[in-house]
Amino acid sequence: GVALPPYGAGAPTYAVRFTILSFSLLEKENSTYRAEFALGYDISVKGDSHSGVIIKHENISSLENKTTKTSKNGNQDFQESAIQSLQHVSTQAMQEAISLIKKAIEAQSVSPLKK
């Protein structure tokens, strides 16, 4: 579950913890690159805990076949594509995390008391 300080009777009903495990550009064997974002999560809803890892990858398309160019323009394209891909994979991971939180809350609404 989510590690929380001792609350006694006033424990929060909902708790979420995220851990960024990876936010990087990976070079593949054939000099192509991909963005990676890995997010660890712990979700606790009314004492029911869920945890796991969300990993998103995306090939950086405009970097393909541009590794031979050393011009400023090629380098700028590289940087822009890398940033866009990193933003995209992190957005995808957070959207999935939000969806998991909603599902955990809905599951508790359907079955209010678990014994």
PDB file of N, CA and C in Angstrom:
ATOM      1  N   GLY A   1       0.812  -1.191   0.000  1.00  0.00           N
ATOM      2  CA  GLY A   1       0.000   0.000   0.000  1.00  0.00           C
ATOM      3  C   GLY A   1       0.857   1.256   0.000  1.00  0.00           C
ATOM      4  N   VAL A   2       0.189   2.364   0.055  1.00  0.00           N
ATOM      5  CA  VAL A   2       0.871   3.651   0.081  1.00  0.00           C
ATOM      6  C   VAL A   2       1.424   3.865   1.482  1.00  0.00           C
ATOM      7  N   ALA A   3       2.727   4.144   1.595  1.00  0.00           N
ATOM      8  CA  ALA A   3       3.349   4.388   2.894  1.00  0.00           C
ATOM      9  C   ALA A   3       2.901   5.749   3.413  1.00  0.00           C
ATOM     10  N   LEU A   4       2.235   5.749   4.551  1.00  0.00           N
ATOM     11  CA  LEU A   4       1.715   6.983   5.138  1.00  0.00           C
ATOM     12  C   LEU A   4       2.179   7.093   6.582  1.00  0.00           C
ATOM     13  N   PRO A   5       2.320   8.303   7.074  1.00  0.00           N
ATOM     14  CA  PRO A   5       2.610   8.451   8.496  1.00  0.00           C
ATOM     15  C   PRO A   5       1.407   7.983   9.312  1.00  0.00           C
ATOM     16  N   PRO A   6       1.604   7.659  10.585  1.00  0.00           N
ATOM     17  CA  PRO A   6       0.465   7.193  11.388  1.00  0.00           C
ATOM     18  C   PRO A   6      -0.580   8.292  11.576  1.00  0.00           C
ATOM     19  N   TYR A   7      -1.826   7.987  11.210  1.00  0.00           N
ATOM     20  CA  TYR A   7      -2.912   8.964  11.311  1.00  0.00           C
ATOM     21  C   TYR A   7      -3.900   8.616  12.412  1.00  0.00           C
ATOM     22  N   GLY A   8      -3.832   7.405  12.932  1.00  0.00           N
ATOM     23  CA  GLY A   8      -4.853   6.984  13.893  1.00  0.00           C
ATOM     24  C   GLY A   8      -6.189   6.851  13.188  1.00  0.00           C
ATOM     25  N   ALA A   9      -7.237   7.397  13.789  1.00  0.00           N
ATOM     26  CA  ALA A   9      -8.578   7.292  13.213  1.00  0.00           C
ATOM     27  C   ALA A   9      -8.772   8.236  12.032  1.00  0.00           C
ATOM     28  N   GLY A  10      -7.874   9.208  11.863  1.00  0.00           N
ATOM     29  CA  GLY A  10      -8.051  10.196  10.801  1.00  0.00           C
ATOM     30  C   GLY A  10      -7.305   9.875   9.524  1.00  0.00           C
ATOM     31  N   ALA A  11      -7.142   8.590   9.203  1.00  0.00           N
ATOM     32  CA  ALA A  11      -6.423   8.207   7.985  1.00  0.00           C
ATOM     33  C   ALA A  11      -7.159   8.722   6.756  1.00  0.00           C
ATOM     34  N   PRO A  12      -6.424   9.194   5.742  1.00  0.00           N
ATOM     35  CA  PRO A  12      -7.094   9.704   4.541  1.00  0.00           C
ATOM     36  C   PRO A  12      -7.818   8.586   3.791  1.00  0.00           C
ATOM     37  N   THR A  13      -8.943   8.929   3.202  1.00  0.00           N
ATOM     38  CA  THR A  13      -9.725   7.967   2.431  1.00  0.00           C
ATOM     39  C   THR A  13      -9.025   7.623   1.122  1.00  0.00           C
ATOM     40  N   TYR A  14      -8.359   8.623   0.550  1.00  0.00           N
ATOM     41  CA  TYR A  14      -7.678   8.451  -0.734  1.00  0.00           C
ATOM     42  C   TYR A  14      -6.216   8.855  -0.584  1.00  0.00           C
ATOM     43  N   ALA A  15      -5.314   8.046  -1.140  1.00  0.00           N
ATOM     44  CA  ALA A  15      -3.895   8.405  -1.146  1.00  0.00           C
ATOM     45  C   ALA A  15      -3.277   7.890  -2.441  1.00  0.00           C
ATOM     46  N   VAL A  16      -2.416   8.708  -3.024  1.00  0.00           N
ATOM     47  CA  VAL A  16      -1.743   8.339  -4.271  1.00  0.00           C
ATOM     48  C   VAL A  16      -0.279   8.722  -4.154  1.00  0.00           C
ATOM     49  N   ARG A  17       0.596   7.838  -4.600  1.00  0.00           N
ATOM     50  CA  ARG A  17       2.019   8.164  -4.663  1.00  0.00           C
ATOM     51  C   ARG A  17       2.540   7.747  -6.037  1.00  0.00           C
ATOM     52  N   PHE A  18       3.248   8.664  -6.680  1.00  0.00           N
ATOM     53  CA  PHE A  18       3.887   8.376  -7.963  1.00  0.00           C
ATOM     54  C   PHE A  18       5.393   8.448  -7.797  1.00  0.00           C
ATOM     55  N   THR A  19       6.103   7.583  -8.502  1.00  0.00           N
ATOM     56  CA  THR A  19       7.561   7.610  -8.529  1.00  0.00           C
ATOM     57  C   THR A  19       7.999   7.539  -9.989  1.00  0.00           C
ATOM     58  N   ILE A  20       8.734   8.553 -10.443  1.00  0.00           N
ATOM     59  CA  ILE A  20       9.258   8.513 -11.812  1.00  0.00           C
ATOM     60  C   ILE A  20      10.472   7.591 -11.807  1.00  0.00           C
ATOM     61  N   LEU A  21      10.368   6.495 -12.527  1.00  0.00           N
ATOM     62  CA  LEU A  21      11.430   5.498 -12.566  1.00  0.00           C
ATOM     63  C   LEU A  21      12.373   5.721 -13.740  1.00  0.00           C
ATOM     64  N   SER A  22      11.846   6.262 -14.833  1.00  0.00           N
ATOM     65  CA  SER A  22      12.672   6.517 -16.009  1.00  0.00           C
ATOM     66  C   SER A  22      12.053   7.634 -16.831  1.00  0.00           C
ATOM     67  N   PHE A  23      12.891   8.556 -17.261  1.00  0.00           N
ATOM     68  CA  PHE A  23      12.496   9.650 -18.158  1.00  0.00           C
ATOM     69  C   PHE A  23      13.706   9.858 -19.044  1.00  0.00           C
ATOM     70  N   SER A  24      13.758   9.120 -20.167  1.00  0.00           N
ATOM     71  CA  SER A  24      15.025   9.089 -20.898  1.00  0.00           C
ATOM     72  C   SER A  24      14.853   8.854 -22.392  1.00  0.00           C
ATOM     73  N   LEU A  25      15.939   9.126 -23.102  1.00  0.00           N
ATOM     74  CA  LEU A  25      16.061   8.780 -24.513  1.00  0.00           C
ATOM     75  C   LEU A  25      16.946   7.547 -24.592  1.00  0.00           C
ATOM     76  N   LEU A  26      16.474   6.536 -25.286  1.00  0.00           N
ATOM     77  CA  LEU A  26      17.231   5.300 -25.415  1.00  0.00           C
ATOM     78  C   LEU A  26      17.694   5.147 -26.854  1.00  0.00           C
ATOM     79  N   GLU A  27      18.975   4.820 -27.025  1.00  0.00           N
ATOM     80  CA  GLU A  27      19.487   4.565 -28.374  1.00  0.00           C
ATOM     81  C   GLU A  27      19.350   3.079 -28.647  1.00  0.00           C
ATOM     82  N   LYS A  28      18.709   2.764 -29.774  1.00  0.00           N
ATOM     83  CA  LYS A  28      18.530   1.369 -30.147  1.00  0.00           C
ATOM     84  C   LYS A  28      19.722   0.927 -30.990  1.00  0.00           C
ATOM     85  N   GLU A  29      19.755  -0.370 -31.335  1.00  0.00           N
ATOM     86  CA  GLU A  29      20.913  -0.943 -32.027  1.00  0.00           C
ATOM     87  C   GLU A  29      21.248  -0.237 -33.341  1.00  0.00           C
ATOM     88  N   ASN A  30      20.244   0.174 -34.083  1.00  0.00           N
ATOM     89  CA  ASN A  30      20.465   0.711 -35.434  1.00  0.00           C
ATOM     90  C   ASN A  30      20.493   2.239 -35.451  1.00  0.00           C
ATOM     91  N   SER A  31      21.049   2.846 -34.414  1.00  0.00           N
ATOM     92  CA  SER A  31      21.189   4.308 -34.312  1.00  0.00           C
ATOM     93  C   SER A  31      19.860   5.050 -34.399  1.00  0.00           C
ATOM     94  N   THR A  32      18.795   4.390 -34.000  1.00  0.00           N
ATOM     95  CA  THR A  32      17.517   5.088 -33.863  1.00  0.00           C
ATOM     96  C   THR A  32      17.283   5.302 -32.374  1.00  0.00           C
ATOM     97  N   TYR A  33      16.373   6.188 -32.065  1.00  0.00           N
ATOM     98  CA  TYR A  33      16.142   6.547 -30.671  1.00  0.00           C
ATOM     99  C   TYR A  33      14.673   6.396 -30.318  1.00  0.00           C
ATOM    100  N   ARG A  34      14.429   6.207 -29.034  1.00  0.00           N
ATOM    101  CA  ARG A  34      13.054   6.219 -28.557  1.00  0.00           C
ATOM    102  C   ARG A  34      13.012   6.880 -27.184  1.00  0.00           C
ATOM    103  N   ALA A  35      11.878   7.504 -26.926  1.00  0.00           N
ATOM    104  CA  ALA A  35      11.643   8.130 -25.628  1.00  0.00           C
ATOM    105  C   ALA A  35      11.019   7.083 -24.713  1.00  0.00           C
ATOM    106  N   GLU A  36      11.394   7.137 -23.444  1.00  0.00           N
ATOM    107  CA  GLU A  36      10.825   6.215 -22.468  1.00  0.00           C
ATOM    108  C   GLU A  36      10.416   6.984 -21.221  1.00  0.00           C
ATOM    109  N   PHE A  37       9.237   6.638 -20.703  1.00  0.00           N
ATOM    110  CA  PHE A  37       8.779   7.184 -19.425  1.00  0.00           C
ATOM    111  C   PHE A  37       8.207   6.025 -18.630  1.00  0.00           C
ATOM    112  N   ALA A  38       8.741   5.793 -17.449  1.00  0.00           N
ATOM    113  CA  ALA A  38       8.243   4.732 -16.574  1.00  0.00           C
ATOM    114  C   ALA A  38       7.812   5.362 -15.255  1.00  0.00           C
ATOM    115  N   LEU A  39       6.591   5.046 -14.852  1.00  0.00           N
ATOM    116  CA  LEU A  39       5.986   5.650 -13.669  1.00  0.00           C
ATOM    117  C   LEU A  39       5.514   4.554 -12.717  1.00  0.00           C
ATOM    118  N   GLY A  40       6.054   4.555 -11.508  1.00  0.00           N
ATOM    119  CA  GLY A  40       5.563   3.650 -10.477  1.00  0.00           C
ATOM    120  C   GLY A  40       4.406   4.321  -9.759  1.00  0.00           C
ATOM    121  N   TYR A  41       3.391   3.551  -9.385  1.00  0.00           N
ATOM    122  CA  TYR A  41       2.250   4.149  -8.693  1.00  0.00           C
ATOM    123  C   TYR A  41       1.791   3.272  -7.537  1.00  0.00           C
ATOM    124  N   ASP A  42       1.292   3.925  -6.510  1.00  0.00           N
ATOM    125  CA  ASP A  42       0.606   3.292  -5.386  1.00  0.00           C
ATOM    126  C   ASP A  42      -0.681   4.077  -5.176  1.00  0.00           C
ATOM    127  N   ILE A  43      -1.808   3.389  -5.254  1.00  0.00           N
ATOM    128  CA  ILE A  43      -3.113   4.028  -5.090  1.00  0.00           C
ATOM    129  C   ILE A  43      -3.828   3.330  -3.937  1.00  0.00           C
ATOM    130  N   SER A  44      -4.309   4.102  -2.984  1.00  0.00           N
ATOM    131  CA  SER A  44      -5.068   3.540  -1.871  1.00  0.00           C
ATOM    132  C   SER A  44      -6.408   4.263  -1.785  1.00  0.00           C
ATOM    133  N   VAL A  45      -7.487   3.478  -1.893  1.00  0.00           N
ATOM    134  CA  VAL A  45      -8.843   4.023  -1.788  1.00  0.00           C
ATOM    135  C   VAL A  45      -9.556   3.245  -0.694  1.00  0.00           C
ATOM    136  N   LYS A  46      -9.880   3.920   0.380  1.00  0.00           N
ATOM    137  CA  LYS A  46     -10.591   3.305   1.513  1.00  0.00           C
ATOM    138  C   LYS A  46      -9.901   2.020   1.971  1.00  0.00           C
ATOM    139  N   GLY A  47      -8.570   2.061   2.012  1.00  0.00           N
ATOM    140  CA  GLY A  47      -7.800   0.912   2.489  1.00  0.00           C
ATOM    141  C   GLY A  47      -7.519  -0.152   1.446  1.00  0.00           C
ATOM    142  N   ASP A  48      -8.108  -0.054   0.274  1.00  0.00           N
ATOM    143  CA  ASP A  48      -7.858  -1.010  -0.808  1.00  0.00           C
ATOM    144  C   ASP A  48      -6.729  -0.460  -1.673  1.00  0.00           C
ATOM    145  N   SER A  49      -5.597  -1.179  -1.732  1.00  0.00           N
ATOM    146  CA  SER A  49      -4.410  -0.650  -2.419  1.00  0.00           C
ATOM    147  C   SER A  49      -4.159  -1.320  -3.763  1.00  0.00           C
ATOM    148  N   HIS A  50      -3.653  -0.532  -4.681  1.00  0.00           N
ATOM    149  CA  HIS A  50      -3.231  -1.006  -6.001  1.00  0.00           C
ATOM    150  C   HIS A  50      -1.863  -0.393  -6.266  1.00  0.00           C
ATOM    151  N   SER A  51      -0.946  -1.188  -6.802  1.00  0.00           N
ATOM    152  CA  SER A  51       0.352  -0.620  -7.158  1.00  0.00           C
ATOM    153  C   SER A  51       0.871  -1.312  -8.405  1.00  0.00           C
ATOM    154  N   GLY A  52       1.771  -0.626  -9.094  1.00  0.00           N
ATOM    155  CA  GLY A  52       2.331  -1.182 -10.311  1.00  0.00           C
ATOM    156  C   GLY A  52       3.217  -0.178 -11.009  1.00  0.00           C
ATOM    157  N   VAL A  53       3.548  -0.490 -12.252  1.00  0.00           N
ATOM    158  CA  VAL A  53       4.416   0.363 -13.064  1.00  0.00           C
ATOM    159  C   VAL A  53       3.772   0.551 -14.431  1.00  0.00           C
ATOM    160  N   ILE A  54       3.767   1.783 -14.899  1.00  0.00           N
ATOM    161  CA  ILE A  54       3.294   2.113 -16.243  1.00  0.00           C
ATOM    162  C   ILE A  54       4.533   2.495 -17.048  1.00  0.00           C
ATOM    163  N   ILE A  55       4.738   1.834 -18.190  1.00  0.00           N
ATOM    164  CA  ILE A  55       5.897   2.146 -19.041  1.00  0.00           C
ATOM    165  C   ILE A  55       5.388   2.511 -20.429  1.00  0.00           C
ATOM    166  N   LYS A  56       5.834   3.658 -20.928  1.00  0.00           N
ATOM    167  CA  LYS A  56       5.458   4.106 -22.271  1.00  0.00           C
ATOM    168  C   LYS A  56       6.725   4.356 -23.083  1.00  0.00           C
ATOM    169  N   HIS A  57       6.689   3.926 -24.344  1.00  0.00           N
ATOM    170  CA  HIS A  57       7.800   4.143 -25.283  1.00  0.00           C
ATOM    171  C   HIS A  57       7.266   4.800 -26.546  1.00  0.00           C
ATOM    172  N   GLU A  58       8.121   5.541 -27.206  1.00  0.00           N
ATOM    173  CA  GLU A  58       7.758   6.106 -28.505  1.00  0.00           C
ATOM    174  C   GLU A  58       9.021   6.279 -29.330  1.00  0.00           C
ATOM    175  N   ASN A  59       8.981   5.778 -30.552  1.00  0.00           N
ATOM    176  CA  ASN A  59      10.108   6.012 -31.457  1.00  0.00           C
ATOM    177  C   ASN A  59      10.146   7.477 -31.838  1.00  0.00           C
ATOM    178  N   ILE A  60      11.338   8.007 -31.957  1.00  0.00           N
ATOM    179  CA  ILE A  60      11.491   9.413 -32.320  1.00  0.00           C
ATOM    180  C   ILE A  60      11.697   9.457 -33.827  1.00  0.00           C
ATOM    181  N   SER A  61      10.589   9.690 -34.545  1.00  0.00           N
ATOM    182  CA  SER A  61      10.572   9.506 -35.995  1.00  0.00           C
ATOM    183  C   SER A  61      11.494  10.454 -36.736  1.00  0.00           C
ATOM    184  N   SER A  62      11.534  11.724 -36.347  1.00  0.00           N
ATOM    185  CA  SER A  62      12.344  12.655 -37.132  1.00  0.00           C
ATOM    186  C   SER A  62      13.831  12.507 -36.842  1.00  0.00           C
ATOM    187  N   LEU A  63      14.187  11.615 -35.922  1.00  0.00           N
ATOM    188  CA  LEU A  63      15.608  11.352 -35.690  1.00  0.00           C
ATOM    189  C   LEU A  63      16.112  10.247 -36.604  1.00  0.00           C
ATOM    190  N   GLU A  64      15.201   9.479 -37.156  1.00  0.00           N
ATOM    191  CA  GLU A  64      15.600   8.365 -38.007  1.00  0.00           C
ATOM    192  C   GLU A  64      16.383   8.902 -39.210  1.00  0.00           C
ATOM    193  N   ASN A  65      17.481   8.284 -39.503  1.00  0.00           N
ATOM    194  CA  ASN A  65      18.315   8.607 -40.668  1.00  0.00           C
ATOM    195  C   ASN A  65      18.866  10.031 -40.645  1.00  0.00           C
ATOM    196  N   LYS A  66      18.876  10.678 -39.513  1.00  0.00           N
ATOM    197  CA  LYS A  66      19.441  12.024 -39.448  1.00  0.00           C
ATOM    198  C   LYS A  66      20.704  12.043 -38.595  1.00  0.00           C
ATOM    199  N   THR A  67      21.174  10.882 -38.200  1.00  0.00           N
ATOM    200  CA  THR A  67      22.342  10.837 -37.329  1.00  0.00           C
ATOM    201  C   THR A  67      23.611  11.233 -38.083  1.00  0.00           C
ATOM    202  N   THR A  68      23.580  11.173 -39.408  1.00  0.00           N
ATOM    203  CA  THR A  68      24.766  11.564 -40.178  1.00  0.00           C
ATOM    204  C   THR A  68      24.869  13.077 -40.315  1.00  0.00           C
ATOM    205  N   LYS A  69      23.744  13.788 -40.166  1.00  0.00           N
ATOM    206  CA  LYS A  69      23.774  15.252 -40.254  1.00  0.00           C
ATOM    207  C   LYS A  69      24.346  15.833 -38.969  1.00  0.00           C
ATOM    208  N   THR A  70      25.267  16.753 -39.101  1.00  0.00           N
ATOM    209  CA  THR A  70      25.820  17.401 -37.910  1.00  0.00           C
ATOM    210  C   THR A  70      25.549  18.895 -37.942  1.00  0.00           C
ATOM    211  N   SER A  71      24.691  19.321 -38.862  1.00  0.00           N
ATOM    212  CA  SER A  71      24.370  20.746 -38.960  1.00  0.00           C
ATOM    213  C   SER A  71      23.550  21.180 -37.755  1.00  0.00           C
ATOM    214  N   LYS A  72      23.493  22.488 -37.522  1.00  0.00           N
ATOM    215  CA  LYS A  72      22.677  23.020 -36.427  1.00  0.00           C
ATOM    216  C   LYS A  72      21.217  22.656 -36.643  1.00  0.00           C
ATOM    217  N   ASN A  73      20.781  22.698 -37.887  1.00  0.00           N
ATOM    218  CA  ASN A  73      19.385  22.403 -38.187  1.00  0.00           C
ATOM    219  C   ASN A  73      19.027  20.969 -37.803  1.00  0.00           C
ATOM    220  N   GLY A  74      19.890  20.026 -38.170  1.00  0.00           N
ATOM    221  CA  GLY A  74      19.656  18.627 -37.824  1.00  0.00           C
ATOM    222  C   GLY A  74      19.638  18.421 -36.327  1.00  0.00           C
ATOM    223  N   ASN A  75      20.530  19.108 -35.627  1.00  0.00           N
ATOM    224  CA  ASN A  75      20.594  18.996 -34.173  1.00  0.00           C
ATOM    225  C   ASN A  75      19.351  19.595 -33.523  1.00  0.00           C
ATOM    226  N   GLN A  76      18.869  20.694 -34.083  1.00  0.00           N
ATOM    227  CA  GLN A  76      17.665  21.328 -33.545  1.00  0.00           C
ATOM    228  C   GLN A  76      16.451  20.426 -33.765  1.00  0.00           C
ATOM    229  N   ASP A  77      16.373  19.807 -34.947  1.00  0.00           N
ATOM    230  CA  ASP A  77      15.292  18.850 -35.220  1.00  0.00           C
ATOM    231  C   ASP A  77      15.329  17.711 -34.204  1.00  0.00           C
ATOM    232  N   PHE A  78      16.532  17.224 -33.947  1.00  0.00           N
ATOM    233  CA  PHE A  78      16.731  16.142 -32.977  1.00  0.00           C
ATOM    234  C   PHE A  78      16.179  16.550 -31.612  1.00  0.00           C
ATOM    235  N   GLN A  79      16.581  17.721 -31.150  1.00  0.00           N
ATOM    236  CA  GLN A  79      16.159  18.186 -29.826  1.00  0.00           C
ATOM    237  C   GLN A  79      14.644  18.383 -29.753  1.00  0.00           C
ATOM    238  N   GLU A  80      14.073  19.001 -30.773  1.00  0.00           N
ATOM    239  CA  GLU A  80      12.624  19.241 -30.773  1.00  0.00           C
ATOM    240  C   GLU A  80      11.847  17.930 -30.788  1.00  0.00           C
ATOM    241  N   SER A  81      12.287  16.994 -31.619  1.00  0.00           N
ATOM    242  CA  SER A  81      11.603  15.697 -31.691  1.00  0.00           C
ATOM    243  C   SER A  81      11.735  14.934 -30.386  1.00  0.00           C
ATOM    244  N   ALA A  82      12.916  14.994 -29.789  1.00  0.00           N
ATOM    245  CA  ALA A  82      13.142  14.296 -28.522  1.00  0.00           C
ATOM    246  C   ALA A  82      12.244  14.874 -27.433  1.00  0.00           C
ATOM    247  N   ILE A  83      12.186  16.191 -27.347  1.00  0.00           N
ATOM    248  CA  ILE A  83      11.352  16.843 -26.331  1.00  0.00           C
ATOM    249  C   ILE A  83       9.882  16.497 -26.548  1.00  0.00           C
ATOM    250  N   GLN A  84       9.426  16.564 -27.801  1.00  0.00           N
ATOM    251  CA  GLN A  84       8.022  16.243 -28.092  1.00  0.00           C
ATOM    252  C   GLN A  84       7.699  14.797 -27.721  1.00  0.00           C
ATOM    253  N   SER A  85       8.606  13.885 -28.037  1.00  0.00           N
ATOM    254  CA  SER A  85       8.363  12.475 -27.718  1.00  0.00           C
ATOM    255  C   SER A  85       8.349  12.235 -26.214  1.00  0.00           C
ATOM    256  N   LEU A  86       9.265  12.882 -25.489  1.00  0.00           N
ATOM    257  CA  LEU A  86       9.275  12.742 -24.029  1.00  0.00           C
ATOM    258  C   LEU A  86       7.993  13.308 -23.415  1.00  0.00           C
ATOM    259  N   GLN A  87       7.540  14.454 -23.946  1.00  0.00           N
ATOM    260  CA  GLN A  87       6.282  15.028 -23.457  1.00  0.00           C
ATOM    261  C   GLN A  87       5.120  14.081 -23.741  1.00  0.00           C
ATOM    262  N   HIS A  88       5.121  13.489 -24.929  1.00  0.00           N
ATOM    263  CA  HIS A  88       4.028  12.611 -25.335  1.00  0.00           C
ATOM    264  C   HIS A  88       3.950  11.366 -24.454  1.00  0.00           C
ATOM    265  N   VAL A  89       5.099  10.700 -24.228  1.00  0.00           N
ATOM    266  CA  VAL A  89       5.065   9.470 -23.423  1.00  0.00           C
ATOM    267  C   VAL A  89       4.728   9.763 -21.963  1.00  0.00           C
ATOM    268  N   SER A  90       5.180  10.913 -21.439  1.00  0.00           N
ATOM    269  CA  SER A  90       4.846  11.240 -20.045  1.00  0.00           C
ATOM    270  C   SER A  90       3.360  11.580 -19.920  1.00  0.00           C
ATOM    271  N   THR A  91       2.804  12.262 -20.926  1.00  0.00           N
ATOM    272  CA  THR A  91       1.366  12.561 -20.922  1.00  0.00           C
ATOM    273  C   THR A  91       0.553  11.271 -20.984  1.00  0.00           C
ATOM    274  N   GLN A  92       0.961  10.336 -21.847  1.00  0.00           N
ATOM    275  CA  GLN A  92       0.252   9.056 -21.958  1.00  0.00           C
ATOM    276  C   GLN A  92       0.263   8.303 -20.628  1.00  0.00           C
ATOM    277  N   ALA A  93       1.416   8.282 -19.974  1.00  0.00           N
ATOM    278  CA  ALA A  93       1.530   7.563 -18.702  1.00  0.00           C
ATOM    279  C   ALA A  93       0.644   8.199 -17.634  1.00  0.00           C
ATOM    280  N   MET A  94       0.629   9.528 -17.575  1.00  0.00           N
ATOM    281  CA  MET A  94      -0.199  10.203 -16.570  1.00  0.00           C
ATOM    282  C   MET A  94      -1.688   9.998 -16.854  1.00  0.00           C
ATOM    283  N   GLN A  95      -2.079   9.985 -18.137  1.00  0.00           N
ATOM    284  CA  GLN A  95      -3.479   9.721 -18.475  1.00  0.00           C
ATOM    285  C   GLN A  95      -3.882   8.319 -18.024  1.00  0.00           C
ATOM    286  N   GLU A  96      -2.978   7.362 -18.218  1.00  0.00           N
ATOM    287  CA  GLU A  96      -3.267   5.996 -17.775  1.00  0.00           C
ATOM    288  C   GLU A  96      -3.357   5.937 -16.247  1.00  0.00           C
ATOM    289  N   ALA A  97      -2.479   6.662 -15.558  1.00  0.00           N
ATOM    290  CA  ALA A  97      -2.506   6.691 -14.091  1.00  0.00           C
ATOM    291  C   ALA A  97      -3.818   7.291 -13.584  1.00  0.00           C
ATOM    292  N   ILE A  98      -4.261   8.370 -14.207  1.00  0.00           N
ATOM    293  CA  ILE A  98      -5.529   9.001 -13.815  1.00  0.00           C
ATOM    294  C   ILE A  98      -6.689   8.030 -14.037  1.00  0.00           C
ATOM    295  N   SER A  99      -6.639   7.299 -15.139  1.00  0.00           N
ATOM    296  CA  SER A  99      -7.665   6.299 -15.420  1.00  0.00           C
ATOM    297  C   SER A  99      -7.678   5.211 -14.341  1.00  0.00           C
ATOM    298  N   LEU A 100      -6.493   4.784 -13.892  1.00  0.00           N
ATOM    299  CA  LEU A 100      -6.410   3.771 -12.834  1.00  0.00           C
ATOM    300  C   LEU A 100      -6.985   4.294 -11.517  1.00  0.00           C
ATOM    301  N   ILE A 101      -6.731   5.567 -11.216  1.00  0.00           N
ATOM    302  CA  ILE A 101      -7.282   6.176  -9.998  1.00  0.00           C
ATOM    303  C   ILE A 101      -8.809   6.188 -10.072  1.00  0.00           C
ATOM    304  N   LYS A 102      -9.347   6.607 -11.224  1.00  0.00           N
ATOM    305  CA  LYS A 102     -10.804   6.640 -11.398  1.00  0.00           C
ATOM    306  C   LYS A 102     -11.405   5.252 -11.233  1.00  0.00           C
ATOM    307  N   LYS A 103     -10.751   4.228 -11.824  1.00  0.00           N
ATOM    308  CA  LYS A 103     -11.253   2.855 -11.716  1.00  0.00           C
ATOM    309  C   LYS A 103     -11.245   2.388 -10.265  1.00  0.00           C
ATOM    310  N   ALA A 104     -10.187   2.744  -9.523  1.00  0.00           N
ATOM    311  CA  ALA A 104     -10.101   2.341  -8.112  1.00  0.00           C
ATOM    312  C   ALA A 104     -11.222   2.984  -7.300  1.00  0.00           C
ATOM    313  N   ILE A 105     -11.513   4.247  -7.582  1.00  0.00           N
ATOM    314  CA  ILE A 105     -12.592   4.946  -6.872  1.00  0.00           C
ATOM    315  C   ILE A 105     -13.949   4.349  -7.241  1.00  0.00           C
ATOM    316  N   GLU A 106     -14.154   4.085  -8.547  1.00  0.00           N
ATOM    317  CA  GLU A 106     -15.421   3.495  -8.992  1.00  0.00           C
ATOM    318  C   GLU A 106     -15.621   2.107  -8.398  1.00  0.00           C
ATOM    319  N   ALA A 107     -14.556   1.322  -8.307  1.00  0.00           N
ATOM    320  CA  ALA A 107     -14.660  -0.030  -7.742  1.00  0.00           C
ATOM    321  C   ALA A 107     -15.097   0.032  -6.283  1.00  0.00           C
ATOM    322  N   GLN A 108     -14.615   1.028  -5.552  1.00  0.00           N
ATOM    323  CA  GLN A 108     -15.012   1.185  -4.152  1.00  0.00           C
ATOM    324  C   GLN A 108     -16.452   1.686  -4.039  1.00  0.00           C
ATOM    325  N   SER A 109     -16.895   2.467  -5.007  1.00  0.00           N
ATOM    326  CA  SER A 109     -18.278   2.967  -4.984  1.00  0.00           C
ATOM    327  C   SER A 109     -19.268   1.835  -5.215  1.00  0.00           C
ATOM    328  N   VAL A 110     -18.884   0.886  -6.068  1.00  0.00           N
ATOM    329  CA  VAL A 110     -19.760  -0.244  -6.383  1.00  0.00           C
ATOM    330  C   VAL A 110     -19.853  -1.186  -5.187  1.00  0.00           C
ATOM    331  N   SER A 111     -18.719  -1.478  -4.559  1.00  0.00           N
ATOM    332  CA  SER A 111     -18.718  -2.362  -3.382  1.00  0.00           C
ATOM    333  C   SER A 111     -18.225  -1.565  -2.175  1.00  0.00           C
ATOM    334  N   PRO A 112     -19.136  -0.851  -1.504  1.00  0.00           N
ATOM    335  CA  PRO A 112     -18.727   0.086  -0.450  1.00  0.00           C
ATOM    336  C   PRO A 112     -18.016  -0.559   0.736  1.00  0.00           C
ATOM    337  N   LEU A 113     -18.403  -1.762   1.127  1.00  0.00           N
ATOM    338  CA  LEU A 113     -17.755  -2.394   2.282  1.00  0.00           C
ATOM    339  C   LEU A 113     -17.185  -3.748   1.898  1.00  0.00           C
ATOM    340  N   LYS A 114     -15.881  -3.893   2.097  1.00  0.00           N
ATOM    341  CA  LYS A 114     -15.243  -5.195   1.895  1.00  0.00           C
ATOM    342  C   LYS A 114     -14.841  -5.717   3.260  1.00  0.00           C
ATOM    343  N   LYS A 115     -15.099  -6.986   3.493  1.00  0.00           N
ATOM    344  CA  LYS A 115     -14.713  -7.552   4.796  1.00  0.00           C
ATOM    345  C   LYS A 115     -13.654  -8.601   4.609  1.00  0.00           C
TER     346      LYS A 115
END
